Amino acid sequence: MTTDTPRWFTSSYSDNGGNCVEVAVNLTTSHGMVPVRDSKNTTGAVLNFPADSFSSFVAGVRAGQFGTV
């Protein structure tokens, strides 16, 4: 496996209810991107977010900036 092969994972906070996304942070250094996909459709579309934007999003989630469900 090279660094160009995404290594997908789901958050440890996922409750396995099926409404999850998977991310592959191993491409951050080599490509500056964080790929994200739907865990229910692993052969579907992949969204690639700039690493700094994804990092800001995660920081916002941790800070509670998006509310709760």
N, C-alpha and C. Protein backbone atom coordinates (compact mmCIF):
# COMPACT_ATOMS: atom_id res chain seq x y z
N MET A 1 0.85 -1.17 0.00
CA MET A 1 0.00 0.00 0.00
C MET A 1 0.90 1.24 0.00
N THR A 2 0.62 2.16 -0.90
CA THR A 2 1.36 3.41 -0.95
C THR A 2 0.59 4.50 -0.23
N THR A 3 1.22 5.66 -0.09
CA THR A 3 0.52 6.77 0.54
C THR A 3 -0.58 7.32 -0.37
N ASP A 4 -0.60 6.89 -1.65
CA ASP A 4 -1.65 7.32 -2.55
C ASP A 4 -2.91 6.48 -2.43
N THR A 5 -2.87 5.43 -1.64
CA THR A 5 -4.03 4.57 -1.43
C THR A 5 -4.72 5.02 -0.15
N PRO A 6 -5.98 5.47 -0.26
CA PRO A 6 -6.67 5.92 0.96
C PRO A 6 -6.83 4.78 1.96
N ARG A 7 -6.60 5.07 3.21
CA ARG A 7 -6.86 4.13 4.30
C ARG A 7 -8.07 4.68 5.05
N TRP A 8 -9.21 4.15 4.76
CA TRP A 8 -10.47 4.68 5.27
C TRP A 8 -10.71 4.26 6.71
N PHE A 9 -11.29 5.16 7.49
CA PHE A 9 -11.72 4.81 8.84
C PHE A 9 -12.95 5.63 9.22
N THR A 10 -13.71 5.10 10.14
CA THR A 10 -14.89 5.76 10.69
C THR A 10 -14.57 6.17 12.11
N SER A 11 -15.09 7.28 12.54
CA SER A 11 -14.83 7.78 13.88
C SER A 11 -15.15 6.74 14.95
N SER A 12 -14.36 6.73 15.99
CA SER A 12 -14.62 5.83 17.12
C SER A 12 -15.88 6.26 17.86
N TYR A 13 -16.37 7.47 17.61
CA TYR A 13 -17.60 7.95 18.24
C TYR A 13 -18.84 7.51 17.46
N SER A 14 -18.64 6.87 16.33
CA SER A 14 -19.76 6.40 15.52
C SER A 14 -20.50 5.32 16.29
N ASP A 15 -21.83 5.37 16.21
CA ASP A 15 -22.62 4.36 16.91
C ASP A 15 -23.04 3.22 15.99
N ASN A 16 -22.44 3.16 14.80
CA ASN A 16 -22.74 2.12 13.82
C ASN A 16 -24.21 2.10 13.42
N GLY A 17 -24.85 3.25 13.47
CA GLY A 17 -26.24 3.36 13.07
C GLY A 17 -26.43 3.49 11.57
N GLY A 18 -25.33 3.52 10.83
CA GLY A 18 -25.42 3.57 9.39
C GLY A 18 -25.33 4.96 8.79
N ASN A 19 -25.37 6.01 9.59
CA ASN A 19 -25.29 7.37 9.09
C ASN A 19 -23.91 7.95 9.34
N CYS A 20 -22.90 7.33 8.76
CA CYS A 20 -21.52 7.69 9.05
C CYS A 20 -20.79 8.10 7.77
N VAL A 21 -19.72 8.79 7.96
CA VAL A 21 -18.79 9.05 6.87
C VAL A 21 -17.45 8.43 7.24
N GLU A 22 -16.67 8.15 6.23
CA GLU A 22 -15.32 7.64 6.42
C GLU A 22 -14.36 8.68 5.88
N VAL A 23 -13.21 8.81 6.52
CA VAL A 23 -12.18 9.73 6.06
C VAL A 23 -10.87 8.97 5.88
N ALA A 24 -9.98 9.53 5.08
CA ALA A 24 -8.66 8.93 4.84
C ALA A 24 -7.61 10.02 5.04
N VAL A 25 -7.18 10.19 6.28
CA VAL A 25 -6.24 11.27 6.59
C VAL A 25 -4.81 10.96 6.17
N ASN A 26 -4.54 9.74 5.72
CA ASN A 26 -3.17 9.40 5.32
C ASN A 26 -2.74 10.15 4.05
N LEU A 27 -3.67 10.80 3.34
CA LEU A 27 -3.30 11.54 2.14
C LEU A 27 -3.05 13.02 2.41
N THR A 28 -3.18 13.43 3.67
CA THR A 28 -3.02 14.84 4.01
C THR A 28 -1.63 15.35 3.67
N THR A 29 -0.61 14.66 4.06
CA THR A 29 0.76 15.11 3.82
C THR A 29 1.14 15.09 2.35
N SER A 30 0.82 14.02 1.66
CA SER A 30 1.25 13.88 0.26
C SER A 30 0.41 14.69 -0.72
N HIS A 31 -0.88 14.92 -0.41
CA HIS A 31 -1.76 15.59 -1.36
C HIS A 31 -2.42 16.85 -0.80
N GLY A 32 -2.31 17.08 0.49
CA GLY A 32 -2.94 18.25 1.09
C GLY A 32 -4.45 18.18 1.10
N MET A 33 -4.99 16.97 0.96
CA MET A 33 -6.44 16.77 0.91
C MET A 33 -6.87 15.70 1.90
N VAL A 34 -8.14 15.80 2.32
CA VAL A 34 -8.74 14.77 3.16
C VAL A 34 -9.97 14.24 2.41
N PRO A 35 -9.88 13.03 1.87
CA PRO A 35 -11.03 12.44 1.19
C PRO A 35 -12.09 11.99 2.21
N VAL A 36 -13.36 12.18 1.85
CA VAL A 36 -14.48 11.80 2.70
C VAL A 36 -15.49 11.06 1.82
N ARG A 37 -16.04 9.96 2.36
CA ARG A 37 -17.06 9.22 1.61
C ARG A 37 -18.14 8.70 2.55
N ASP A 38 -19.25 8.30 1.98
CA ASP A 38 -20.37 7.73 2.71
C ASP A 38 -20.03 6.29 3.07
N SER A 39 -20.12 5.95 4.33
CA SER A 39 -19.77 4.59 4.76
C SER A 39 -20.75 3.54 4.23
N LYS A 40 -21.95 3.95 3.84
CA LYS A 40 -22.93 3.00 3.30
C LYS A 40 -22.72 2.75 1.82
N ASN A 41 -21.98 3.63 1.15
CA ASN A 41 -21.78 3.52 -0.29
C ASN A 41 -20.29 3.72 -0.59
N THR A 42 -19.50 2.72 -0.26
CA THR A 42 -18.04 2.85 -0.36
C THR A 42 -17.54 2.91 -1.80
N THR A 43 -18.37 2.60 -2.77
CA THR A 43 -17.96 2.71 -4.16
C THR A 43 -18.50 3.98 -4.81
N GLY A 44 -19.18 4.79 -4.01
CA GLY A 44 -19.77 6.03 -4.52
C GLY A 44 -18.76 7.17 -4.55
N ALA A 45 -19.30 8.36 -4.65
CA ALA A 45 -18.50 9.57 -4.77
C ALA A 45 -17.62 9.81 -3.55
N VAL A 46 -16.48 10.41 -3.79
CA VAL A 46 -15.55 10.82 -2.73
C VAL A 46 -15.40 12.33 -2.83
N LEU A 47 -15.59 13.00 -1.71
CA LEU A 47 -15.37 14.44 -1.65
C LEU A 47 -13.97 14.68 -1.09
N ASN A 48 -13.19 15.51 -1.77
CA ASN A 48 -11.84 15.83 -1.31
C ASN A 48 -11.82 17.25 -0.77
N PHE A 49 -11.52 17.37 0.52
CA PHE A 49 -11.48 18.68 1.16
C PHE A 49 -10.03 19.09 1.41
N PRO A 50 -9.71 20.37 1.21
CA PRO A 50 -8.37 20.82 1.58
C PRO A 50 -8.12 20.53 3.06
N ALA A 51 -6.93 20.08 3.38
CA ALA A 51 -6.61 19.66 4.74
C ALA A 51 -6.88 20.76 5.76
N ASP A 52 -6.53 22.01 5.45
CA ASP A 52 -6.75 23.08 6.42
C ASP A 52 -8.23 23.34 6.64
N SER A 53 -9.05 23.21 5.61
CA SER A 53 -10.50 23.38 5.76
C SER A 53 -11.10 22.26 6.61
N PHE A 54 -10.66 21.03 6.37
CA PHE A 54 -11.17 19.90 7.14
C PHE A 54 -10.76 20.03 8.60
N SER A 55 -9.53 20.47 8.83
CA SER A 55 -9.05 20.68 10.20
C SER A 55 -9.89 21.74 10.92
N SER A 56 -10.23 22.81 10.22
CA SER A 56 -11.07 23.86 10.81
C SER A 56 -12.46 23.32 11.13
N PHE A 57 -13.00 22.50 10.23
CA PHE A 57 -14.31 21.88 10.47
C PHE A 57 -14.28 21.01 11.73
N VAL A 58 -13.27 20.15 11.85
CA VAL A 58 -13.16 19.27 13.02
C VAL A 58 -13.03 20.11 14.30
N ALA A 59 -12.24 21.17 14.25
CA ALA A 59 -12.09 22.04 15.42
C ALA A 59 -13.43 22.66 15.81
N GLY A 60 -14.22 23.05 14.81
CA GLY A 60 -15.54 23.61 15.07
C GLY A 60 -16.48 22.60 15.70
N VAL A 61 -16.43 21.37 15.22
CA VAL A 61 -17.26 20.31 15.80
C VAL A 61 -16.87 20.09 17.26
N ARG A 62 -15.59 20.02 17.51
CA ARG A 62 -15.11 19.80 18.89
C ARG A 62 -15.51 20.94 19.81
N ALA A 63 -15.56 22.15 19.27
CA ALA A 63 -15.89 23.33 20.07
C ALA A 63 -17.40 23.51 20.23
N GLY A 64 -18.21 22.65 19.58
CA GLY A 64 -19.65 22.74 19.68
C GLY A 64 -20.26 23.85 18.86
N GLN A 65 -19.58 24.32 17.84
CA GLN A 65 -20.05 25.44 17.04
C GLN A 65 -21.25 25.10 16.15
N PHE A 66 -21.57 23.84 15.99
CA PHE A 66 -22.63 23.45 15.08
C PHE A 66 -23.86 22.91 15.82
N GLY A 67 -23.88 23.03 17.11
CA GLY A 67 -25.03 22.57 17.90
C GLY A 67 -25.06 21.06 18.00
N THR A 68 -26.18 20.58 18.55
CA THR A 68 -26.36 19.14 18.71
C THR A 68 -27.69 18.74 18.10
N VAL A 69 -27.83 17.45 17.88
CA VAL A 69 -29.07 16.92 17.29
C VAL A 69 -29.95 16.39 18.37
